[in-house]
C-alpha atoms as a PDB file:
ATOM      1  CA  UNK A   1     159.782-125.826 362.462  1.00  0.00           C
ATOM      2  CA  UNK A   2     156.130-124.792 362.250  1.00  0.00           C
ATOM      3  CA  UNK A   3     154.643-123.262 359.099  1.00  0.00           C
ATOM      4  CA  UNK A   4     151.335-121.669 358.156  1.00  0.00           C
ATOM      5  CA  UNK A   5     149.731-120.267 354.980  1.00  0.00           C
ATOM      6  CA  UNK A   6     149.875-116.492 354.462  1.00  0.00           C
ATOM      7  CA  UNK A   7     148.413-114.035 351.975  1.00  0.00           C
ATOM      8  CA  UNK A   8     149.906-111.183 349.982  1.00  0.00           C
ATOM      9  CA  UNK A   9     147.439-108.321 349.335  1.00  0.00           C
ATOM     10  CA  UNK A  10     148.192-108.120 345.613  1.00  0.00           C
ATOM     11  CA  UNK A  11     146.376-109.297 342.493  1.00  0.00           C
ATOM     12  CA  UNK A  12     147.454-112.119 340.212  1.00  0.00           C
ATOM     13  CA  UNK A  13     148.087-109.452 337.544  1.00  0.00           C
ATOM     14  CA  UNK A  14     151.084-108.205 339.533  1.00  0.00           C
ATOM     15  CA  UNK A  15     152.395-111.730 340.073  1.00  0.00           C
ATOM     16  CA  UNK A  16     152.066-112.572 336.374  1.00  0.00           C
ATOM     17  CA  UNK A  17     153.763-109.334 335.346  1.00  0.00           C
ATOM     18  CA  UNK A  18     156.835-110.064 337.443  1.00  0.00           C
ATOM     19  CA  UNK A  19     156.850-113.751 336.483  1.00  0.00           C
ATOM     20  CA  UNK A  20     156.799-112.809 332.779  1.00  0.00           C
ATOM     21  CA  UNK A  21     159.782-110.525 333.255  1.00  0.00           C
ATOM     22  CA  UNK A  22     161.706-113.259 335.051  1.00  0.00           C
ATOM     23  CA  UNK A  23     160.761-115.810 332.406  1.00  0.00           C
ATOM     24  CA  UNK A  24     161.899-113.512 329.605  1.00  0.00           C
ATOM     25  CA  UNK A  25     165.166-112.803 331.411  1.00  0.00           C
ATOM     26  CA  UNK A  26     165.882-116.517 331.811  1.00  0.00           C
ATOM     27  CA  UNK A  27     165.144-117.198 328.150  1.00  0.00           C
ATOM     28  CA  UNK A  28     167.402-114.344 327.096  1.00  0.00           C
ATOM     29  CA  UNK A  29     170.257-115.683 329.215  1.00  0.00           C
ATOM     30  CA  UNK A  30     169.417-119.297 328.344  1.00  0.00           C
ATOM     31  CA  UNK A  31     169.484-120.148 332.015  1.00  0.00           C
ATOM     32  CA  UNK A  32     169.650-123.768 333.032  1.00  0.00           C
ATOM     33  CA  UNK A  33     167.510-125.431 335.672  1.00  0.00           C
ATOM     34  CA  UNK A  34     166.612-123.277 338.674  1.00  0.00           C
ATOM     35  CA  UNK A  35     165.355-124.262 342.110  1.00  0.00           C
ATOM     36  CA  UNK A  36     162.223-122.144 341.617  1.00  0.00           C
ATOM     37  CA  UNK A  37     160.158-121.615 338.506  1.00  0.00           C
ATOM     38  CA  UNK A  38     159.476-117.964 337.458  1.00  0.00           C
ATOM     39  CA  UNK A  39     156.095-117.840 339.184  1.00  0.00           C
ATOM     40  CA  UNK A  40     157.523-119.049 342.491  1.00  0.00           C
ATOM     41  CA  UNK A  41     160.462-116.657 342.263  1.00  0.00           C
ATOM     42  CA  UNK A  42     158.039-113.800 341.630  1.00  0.00           C
ATOM     43  CA  UNK A  43     155.990-114.889 344.639  1.00  0.00           C
ATOM     44  CA  UNK A  44     159.115-114.897 346.798  1.00  0.00           C
ATOM     45  CA  UNK A  45     160.035-111.366 345.710  1.00  0.00           C
ATOM     46  CA  UNK A  46     156.520-110.043 346.344  1.00  0.00           C
ATOM     47  CA  UNK A  47     156.405-111.656 349.785  1.00  0.00           C
ATOM     48  CA  UNK A  48     159.611-109.836 350.729  1.00  0.00           C
ATOM     49  CA  UNK A  49     158.503-106.508 349.238  1.00  0.00           C
ATOM     50  CA  UNK A  50     154.891-106.416 350.361  1.00  0.00           C
ATOM     51  CA  UNK A  51     154.890-108.438 353.583  1.00  0.00           C
ATOM     52  CA  UNK A  52     158.474-107.777 354.653  1.00  0.00           C
ATOM     53  CA  UNK A  53     159.196-111.470 355.200  1.00  0.00           C
ATOM     54  CA  UNK A  54     162.847-112.065 355.991  1.00  0.00           C
ATOM     55  CA  UNK A  55     165.181-114.104 353.797  1.00  0.00           C
ATOM     56  CA  UNK A  56     165.349-116.765 356.512  1.00  0.00           C
ATOM     57  CA  UNK A  57     161.566-117.205 356.541  1.00  0.00           C
ATOM     58  CA  UNK A  58     161.379-117.172 352.753  1.00  0.00           C
ATOM     59  CA  UNK A  59     164.165-119.724 352.467  1.00  0.00           C
ATOM     60  CA  UNK A  60     162.356-122.052 354.859  1.00  0.00           C
ATOM     61  CA  UNK A  61     158.987-121.545 353.191  1.00  0.00           C
ATOM     62  CA  UNK A  62     160.263-122.086 349.646  1.00  0.00           C
ATOM     63  CA  UNK A  63     162.690-124.816 350.722  1.00  0.00           C
ATOM     64  CA  UNK A  64     165.799-123.118 349.360  1.00  0.00           C
ATOM     65  CA  UNK A  65     168.930-121.659 350.902  1.00  0.00           C
ATOM     66  CA  UNK A  66     169.066-118.144 352.351  1.00  0.00           C
ATOM     67  CA  UNK A  67     171.705-117.122 349.813  1.00  0.00           C
ATOM     68  CA  UNK A  68     169.507-118.410 346.983  1.00  0.00           C
ATOM     69  CA  UNK A  69     166.530-116.431 348.305  1.00  0.00           C
ATOM     70  CA  UNK A  70     168.699-113.314 348.386  1.00  0.00           C
ATOM     71  CA  UNK A  71     169.908-113.840 344.811  1.00  0.00           C
ATOM     72  CA  UNK A  72     166.396-114.468 343.503  1.00  0.00           C
ATOM     73  CA  UNK A  73     165.113-111.296 345.159  1.00  0.00           C
ATOM     74  CA  UNK A  74     167.974-109.149 343.872  1.00  0.00           C
ATOM     75  CA  UNK A  75     167.396-110.459 340.347  1.00  0.00           C
ATOM     76  CA  UNK A  76     163.702-109.559 340.510  1.00  0.00           C
ATOM     77  CA  UNK A  77     164.484-106.066 341.822  1.00  0.00           C
ATOM     78  CA  UNK A  78     166.989-105.451 339.027  1.00  0.00           C
ATOM     79  CA  UNK A  79     164.449-106.453 336.366  1.00  0.00           C
ATOM     80  CA  UNK A  80     161.741-104.226 337.830  1.00  0.00           C
ATOM     81  CA  UNK A  81     163.877-101.161 338.530  1.00  0.00           C
ATOM     82  CA  UNK A  82     165.213-101.254 334.959  1.00  0.00           C
ATOM     83  CA  UNK A  83     161.640-100.684 333.756  1.00  0.00           C
ATOM     84  CA  UNK A  84     160.947 -97.725 336.068  1.00  0.00           C
ATOM     85  CA  UNK A  85     160.096 -94.359 334.550  1.00  0.00           C
ATOM     86  CA  UNK A  86     162.446 -91.442 334.979  1.00  0.00           C
ATOM     87  CA  UNK A  87     161.164 -87.948 335.739  1.00  0.00           C
ATOM     88  CA  UNK A  88     161.130 -86.936 332.058  1.00  0.00           C
ATOM     89  CA  UNK A  89     158.855 -89.851 331.181  1.00  0.00           C
ATOM     90  CA  UNK A  90     156.659 -89.302 334.222  1.00  0.00           C
ATOM     91  CA  UNK A  91     156.196 -85.622 333.330  1.00  0.00           C
ATOM     92  CA  UNK A  92     154.155 -86.645 330.294  1.00  0.00           C
ATOM     93  CA  UNK A  93     151.506 -87.808 332.754  1.00  0.00           C
ATOM     94  CA  UNK A  94     152.090 -85.215 335.469  1.00  0.00           C
ATOM     95  CA  UNK A  95     151.520 -82.261 333.127  1.00  0.00           C
ATOM     96  CA  UNK A  96     148.010 -83.575 332.426  1.00  0.00           C
ATOM     97  CA  UNK A  97     146.997 -83.371 336.088  1.00  0.00           C
ATOM     98  CA  UNK A  98     144.740 -80.625 337.419  1.00  0.00           C
ATOM     99  CA  UNK A  99     147.511 -80.007 339.937  1.00  0.00           C
ATOM    100  CA  UNK A 100     150.238 -82.008 341.644  1.00  0.00           C
ATOM    101  CA  UNK A 101     151.235 -82.473 345.275  1.00  0.00           C
ATOM    102  CA  UNK A 102     154.913 -82.693 346.165  1.00  0.00           C
ATOM    103  CA  UNK A 103     156.112 -84.142 349.465  1.00  0.00           C
ATOM    104  CA  UNK A 104     159.111 -85.907 350.898  1.00  0.00           C
ATOM    105  CA  UNK A 105     159.357 -88.917 353.174  1.00  0.00           C
ATOM    106  CA  UNK A 106     162.089 -90.589 355.174  1.00  0.00           C
ATOM    107  CA  UNK A 107     162.575 -94.331 354.828  1.00  0.00           C
ATOM    108  CA  UNK A 108     164.282 -95.608 357.960  1.00  0.00           C
ATOM    109  CA  UNK A 109     167.412 -97.714 357.629  1.00  0.00           C
ATOM    110  CA  UNK A 110     169.751 -99.614 359.910  1.00  0.00           C
ATOM    111  CA  UNK A 111     172.864 -97.821 361.068  1.00  0.00           C
ATOM    112  CA  UNK A 112     175.706 -97.814 358.591  1.00  0.00           C
ATOM    113  CA  UNK A 113     179.438 -97.211 358.863  1.00  0.00           C
ATOM    114  CA  UNK A 114     179.187 -93.672 357.475  1.00  0.00           C
ATOM    115  CA  UNK A 115     176.261 -92.553 359.623  1.00  0.00           C
ATOM    116  CA  UNK A 116     176.340 -88.758 359.360  1.00  0.00           C
ATOM    117  CA  UNK A 117     174.995 -88.342 355.786  1.00  0.00           C
ATOM    118  CA  UNK A 118     172.043 -90.626 356.547  1.00  0.00           C
ATOM    119  CA  UNK A 119     170.989 -89.027 359.837  1.00  0.00           C
ATOM    120  CA  UNK A 120     167.908 -86.820 359.568  1.00  0.00           C
ATOM    121  CA  UNK A 121     167.878 -84.066 362.163  1.00  0.00           C
ATOM    122  CA  UNK A 122     164.186 -83.487 361.480  1.00  0.00           C
ATOM    123  CA  UNK A 123     163.144 -87.083 362.153  1.00  0.00           C
ATOM    124  CA  UNK A 124     165.935 -87.898 364.647  1.00  0.00           C
ATOM    125  CA  UNK A 125     166.848 -91.163 362.976  1.00  0.00           C
ATOM    126  CA  UNK A 126     168.821 -92.616 360.086  1.00  0.00           C
ATOM    127  CA  UNK A 127     167.183 -92.989 356.715  1.00  0.00           C
ATOM    128  CA  UNK A 128     166.998 -92.013 353.062  1.00  0.00           C
ATOM    129  CA  UNK A 129     164.991 -89.156 351.569  1.00  0.00           C
ATOM    130  CA  UNK A 130     162.477 -89.942 348.798  1.00  0.00           C
ATOM    131  CA  UNK A 131     160.434 -87.276 346.995  1.00  0.00           C
ATOM    132  CA  UNK A 132     156.883 -88.227 346.047  1.00  0.00           C
ATOM    133  CA  UNK A 133     154.549 -86.648 343.478  1.00  0.00           C
ATOM    134  CA  UNK A 134     150.819 -87.292 343.916  1.00  0.00           C
ATOM    135  CA  UNK A 135     147.714 -86.342 341.956  1.00  0.00           C
ATOM    136  CA  UNK A 136     144.724 -84.356 343.219  1.00  0.00           C
ATOM    137  CA  UNK A 137     143.171 -87.482 344.773  1.00  0.00           C
ATOM    138  CA  UNK A 138     146.368 -88.485 346.546  1.00  0.00           C
ATOM    139  CA  UNK A 139     147.263 -91.205 344.048  1.00  0.00           C
ATOM    140  CA  UNK A 140     150.930 -92.103 343.760  1.00  0.00           C
ATOM    141  CA  UNK A 141     152.263 -90.904 340.404  1.00  0.00           C
ATOM    142  CA  UNK A 142     156.050 -90.926 340.793  1.00  0.00           C
ATOM    143  CA  UNK A 143     158.773 -91.389 343.403  1.00  0.00           C
ATOM    144  CA  UNK A 144     162.331 -90.154 343.146  1.00  0.00           C
ATOM    145  CA  UNK A 145     165.621 -91.984 343.667  1.00  0.00           C
ATOM    146  CA  UNK A 146     166.734 -92.041 347.291  1.00  0.00           C
ATOM    147  CA  UNK A 147     169.162 -89.525 348.763  1.00  0.00           C
ATOM    148  CA  UNK A 148     170.836 -89.627 352.201  1.00  0.00           C
ATOM    149  CA  UNK A 149     168.421 -88.660 354.974  1.00  0.00           C
ATOM    150  CA  UNK A 150     170.316 -85.491 355.888  1.00  0.00           C
ATOM    151  CA  UNK A 151     169.172 -83.909 352.607  1.00  0.00           C
ATOM    152  CA  UNK A 152     166.523 -81.208 353.035  1.00  0.00           C
ATOM    153  CA  UNK A 153     163.315 -81.707 351.054  1.00  0.00           C
ATOM    154  CA  UNK A 154     163.880 -78.616 348.924  1.00  0.00           C
ATOM    155  CA  UNK A 155     167.506 -79.567 348.300  1.00  0.00           C
ATOM    156  CA  UNK A 156     166.445 -83.086 347.276  1.00  0.00           C
ATOM    157  CA  UNK A 157     163.712 -81.762 344.954  1.00  0.00           C
ATOM    158  CA  UNK A 158     166.190 -79.443 343.262  1.00  0.00           C
ATOM    159  CA  UNK A 159     168.818 -82.161 342.992  1.00  0.00           C
ATOM    160  CA  UNK A 160     166.359 -84.385 341.123  1.00  0.00           C
ATOM    161  CA  UNK A 161     165.280 -81.503 338.877  1.00  0.00           C
ATOM    162  CA  UNK A 162     161.701 -81.758 340.113  1.00  0.00           C
ATOM    163  CA  UNK A 163     161.187 -78.018 340.667  1.00  0.00           C
ATOM    164  CA  UNK A 164     162.502 -77.085 337.222  1.00  0.00           C
ATOM    165  CA  UNK A 165     160.472 -79.836 335.517  1.00  0.00           C
ATOM    166  CA  UNK A 166     157.206 -78.813 337.198  1.00  0.00           C
ATOM    167  CA  UNK A 167     157.841 -75.151 336.464  1.00  0.00           C
ATOM    168  CA  UNK A 168     158.753 -75.683 332.811  1.00  0.00           C
ATOM    169  CA  UNK A 169     155.545 -77.693 332.309  1.00  0.00           C
ATOM    170  CA  UNK A 170     153.552 -75.079 334.269  1.00  0.00           C
ATOM    171  CA  UNK A 171     152.108 -77.685 336.631  1.00  0.00           C
ATOM    172  CA  UNK A 172     150.514 -76.053 339.669  1.00  0.00           C
ATOM    173  CA  UNK A 173     152.075 -77.851 342.635  1.00  0.00           C
ATOM    174  CA  UNK A 174     151.249 -77.740 346.332  1.00  0.00           C
ATOM    175  CA  UNK A 175     153.977 -78.385 348.900  1.00  0.00           C
ATOM    176  CA  UNK A 176     154.562 -77.847 352.606  1.00  0.00           C
ATOM    177  CA  UNK A 177     156.732 -75.266 354.358  1.00  0.00           C
ATOM    178  CA  UNK A 178     159.827 -77.374 353.763  1.00  0.00           C
ATOM    179  CA  UNK A 179     159.775 -76.151 350.156  1.00  0.00           C
ATOM    180  CA  UNK A 180     159.758 -72.447 350.990  1.00  0.00           C
ATOM    181  CA  UNK A 181     161.810 -70.628 348.365  1.00  0.00           C
ATOM    182  CA  UNK A 182     161.186 -73.148 345.604  1.00  0.00           C
ATOM    183  CA  UNK A 183     159.279 -70.532 343.564  1.00  0.00           C
ATOM    184  CA  UNK A 184     158.236 -71.361 340.022  1.00  0.00           C
ATOM    185  CA  UNK A 185     154.898 -73.192 339.962  1.00  0.00           C
ATOM    186  CA  UNK A 186     155.315 -74.573 343.506  1.00  0.00           C
ATOM    187  CA  UNK A 187     152.923 -73.074 346.043  1.00  0.00           C
ATOM    188  CA  UNK A 188     153.758 -73.204 349.755  1.00  0.00           C
ATOM    189  CA  UNK A 189     151.791 -71.895 352.768  1.00  0.00           C
ATOM    190  CA  UNK A 190     152.495 -68.543 354.368  1.00  0.00           C
ATOM    191  CA  UNK A 191     155.106 -68.811 357.092  1.00  0.00           C
ATOM    192  CA  UNK A 192     155.381 -66.518 360.052  1.00  0.00           C
ATOM    193  CA  UNK A 193     158.885 -65.225 360.546  1.00  0.00           C
ATOM    194  CA  UNK A 194     160.586 -63.951 363.643  1.00  0.00           C
ATOM    195  CA  UNK A 195     160.248 -60.245 364.424  1.00  0.00           C
ATOM    196  CA  UNK A 196     157.490 -59.905 361.805  1.00  0.00           C
ATOM    197  CA  UNK A 197     153.753 -59.317 362.247  1.00  0.00           C
ATOM    198  CA  UNK A 198     151.508 -62.304 362.794  1.00  0.00           C
ATOM    199  CA  UNK A 199     149.743 -63.831 359.830  1.00  0.00           C
ATOM    200  CA  UNK A 200     146.633 -62.002 358.744  1.00  0.00           C
ATOM    201  CA  UNK A 201     143.189 -63.594 358.758  1.00  0.00           C
ATOM    202  CA  UNK A 202     143.361 -63.961 354.985  1.00  0.00           C
ATOM    203  CA  UNK A 203     146.761 -65.654 355.142  1.00  0.00           C
ATOM    204  CA  UNK A 204     145.504 -68.083 357.781  1.00  0.00           C
ATOM    205  CA  UNK A 205     142.495 -68.923 355.612  1.00  0.00           C
ATOM    206  CA  UNK A 206     144.800 -69.546 352.637  1.00  0.00           C
ATOM    207  CA  UNK A 207     146.974 -71.820 354.793  1.00  0.00           C
ATOM    208  CA  UNK A 208     143.943 -73.857 355.900  1.00  0.00           C
ATOM    209  CA  UNK A 209     142.793 -74.341 352.327  1.00  0.00           C
ATOM    210  CA  UNK A 210     146.348 -75.202 351.284  1.00  0.00           C
ATOM    211  CA  UNK A 211     146.650 -77.768 354.088  1.00  0.00           C
ATOM    212  CA  UNK A 212     143.433 -79.533 353.007  1.00  0.00           C
ATOM    213  CA  UNK A 213     144.804 -79.971 349.506  1.00  0.00           C
ATOM    214  CA  UNK A 214     148.311 -80.927 350.559  1.00  0.00           C
ATOM    215  CA  UNK A 215     147.072 -83.489 353.092  1.00  0.00           C
ATOM    216  CA  UNK A 216     145.949 -85.701 350.215  1.00  0.00           C
ATOM    217  CA  UNK A 217     149.605 -86.157 349.299  1.00  0.00           C
ATOM    218  CA  UNK A 218     150.028 -88.160 352.504  1.00  0.00           C
ATOM    219  CA  UNK A 219     147.934 -90.884 350.872  1.00  0.00           C
ATOM    220  CA  UNK A 220     150.625 -91.372 348.232  1.00  0.00           C
ATOM    221  CA  UNK A 221     153.290 -91.759 350.906  1.00  0.00           C
ATOM    222  CA  UNK A 222     151.050 -94.169 352.812  1.00  0.00           C
ATOM    223  CA  UNK A 223     150.548 -96.142 349.589  1.00  0.00           C
ATOM    224  CA  UNK A 224     154.304 -96.364 349.123  1.00  0.00           C
ATOM    225  CA  UNK A 225     154.808 -97.601 352.674  1.00  0.00           C
ATOM    226  CA  UNK A 226     152.163-100.296 352.479  1.00  0.00           C
ATOM    227  CA  UNK A 227     155.090-102.216 351.019  1.00  0.00           C
ATOM    228  CA  UNK A 228     156.440-103.418 354.344  1.00  0.00           C
ATOM    229  CA  UNK A 229     160.037-103.546 353.192  1.00  0.00           C
ATOM    230  CA  UNK A 230     160.024 -99.731 353.378  1.00  0.00           C
ATOM    231  CA  UNK A 231     159.011 -99.616 357.041  1.00  0.00           C
ATOM    232  CA  UNK A 232     162.675-100.069 357.864  1.00  0.00           C
ATOM    233  CA  UNK A 233     165.279-101.148 355.372  1.00  0.00           C
ATOM    234  CA  UNK A 234     167.841-103.604 356.625  1.00  0.00           C
ATOM    235  CA  UNK A 235     170.044-103.621 353.550  1.00  0.00           C
ATOM    236  CA  UNK A 236     172.645-101.259 352.142  1.00  0.00           C
ATOM    237  CA  UNK A 237     171.035 -97.799 351.746  1.00  0.00           C
ATOM    238  CA  UNK A 238     172.460 -97.630 348.228  1.00  0.00           C
ATOM    239  CA  UNK A 239     169.915-100.293 347.253  1.00  0.00           C
ATOM    240  CA  UNK A 240     167.003 -98.130 348.372  1.00  0.00           C
ATOM    241  CA  UNK A 241     166.633 -96.481 344.970  1.00  0.00           C
ATOM    242  CA  UNK A 242     166.264 -99.796 343.123  1.00  0.00           C
ATOM    243  CA  UNK A 243     163.708-101.020 345.678  1.00  0.00           C
ATOM    244  CA  UNK A 244     161.623 -97.829 345.471  1.00  0.00           C
ATOM    245  CA  UNK A 245     161.684 -97.938 341.665  1.00  0.00           C
ATOM    246  CA  UNK A 246     160.679-101.605 341.659  1.00  0.00           C
ATOM    247  CA  UNK A 247     157.768-100.856 343.984  1.00  0.00           C
ATOM    248  CA  UNK A 248     156.676 -97.968 341.758  1.00  0.00           C
ATOM    249  CA  UNK A 249     156.560-100.298 338.739  1.00  0.00           C
ATOM    250  CA  UNK A 250     154.527-102.882 340.660  1.00  0.00           C
ATOM    251  CA  UNK A 251     152.183-100.220 342.007  1.00  0.00           C
ATOM    252  CA  UNK A 252     151.387 -99.039 338.493  1.00  0.00           C
ATOM    253  CA  UNK A 253     150.734-102.629 337.447  1.00  0.00           C
ATOM    254  CA  UNK A 254     148.442-103.144 340.425  1.00  0.00           C
ATOM    255  CA  UNK A 255     146.705 -99.761 339.891  1.00  0.00           C
ATOM    256  CA  UNK A 256     147.167 -99.060 336.166  1.00  0.00           C
ATOM    257  CA  UNK A 257     145.812 -95.522 336.251  1.00  0.00           C
ATOM    258  CA  UNK A 258     149.233 -94.054 335.479  1.00  0.00           C
ATOM    259  CA  UNK A 259     150.760 -96.955 333.603  1.00  0.00           C
ATOM    260  CA  UNK A 260     152.733 -96.201 330.433  1.00  0.00           C
END
């Protein structure tokens, strides 16, 4: 089997953060000898998250079994997701923003036994729905737990309590037409309805200005999906939430603008 060196576009700060968590977890459990030291286990987890390397490739590269690679990755994800901020904690930072941008994204998944809840009619494929909150520059601030892909963006935002939280904190929020009817502090573009007059010139101008602001939220989604594991998940969709939360923790370590 041939091998070659590869890079992971992350800083050593992120590697050390995860390695410290693994080291502390092992000391707490008084774990015995492991095949990989904490730093190597952290490197394995980051390679799977960021580069999307498969367990088979990781097992060969780190000279361990596939099952061991899977266990090491799941352990790292559990430690990271446990440290993720909930919406209440994140709102302490969000309420300080000039305004927020709310958008939803679909993370594709493999087909599952119970396919109907995970099929998105909008995207014409199976996946899970994740709500993303971005700042005025398009920076990723928070991402929600995953819901089945059939969930509408507005339904998902309400289910997570995002609309109520933003409204109670009076955070001006820009969202697309999928959030029509959200009300509160959420602002959506004007939408032409059937059998009604066309949009006025003023309404069209408002929509253009709204679109320029809202487009920055796409940067946050793009930032989330630079972690290649989210291009298409090949694990149980119920694990999507833990993976997204783990990535959010690592992102804030890598870009500590919204850390703590």
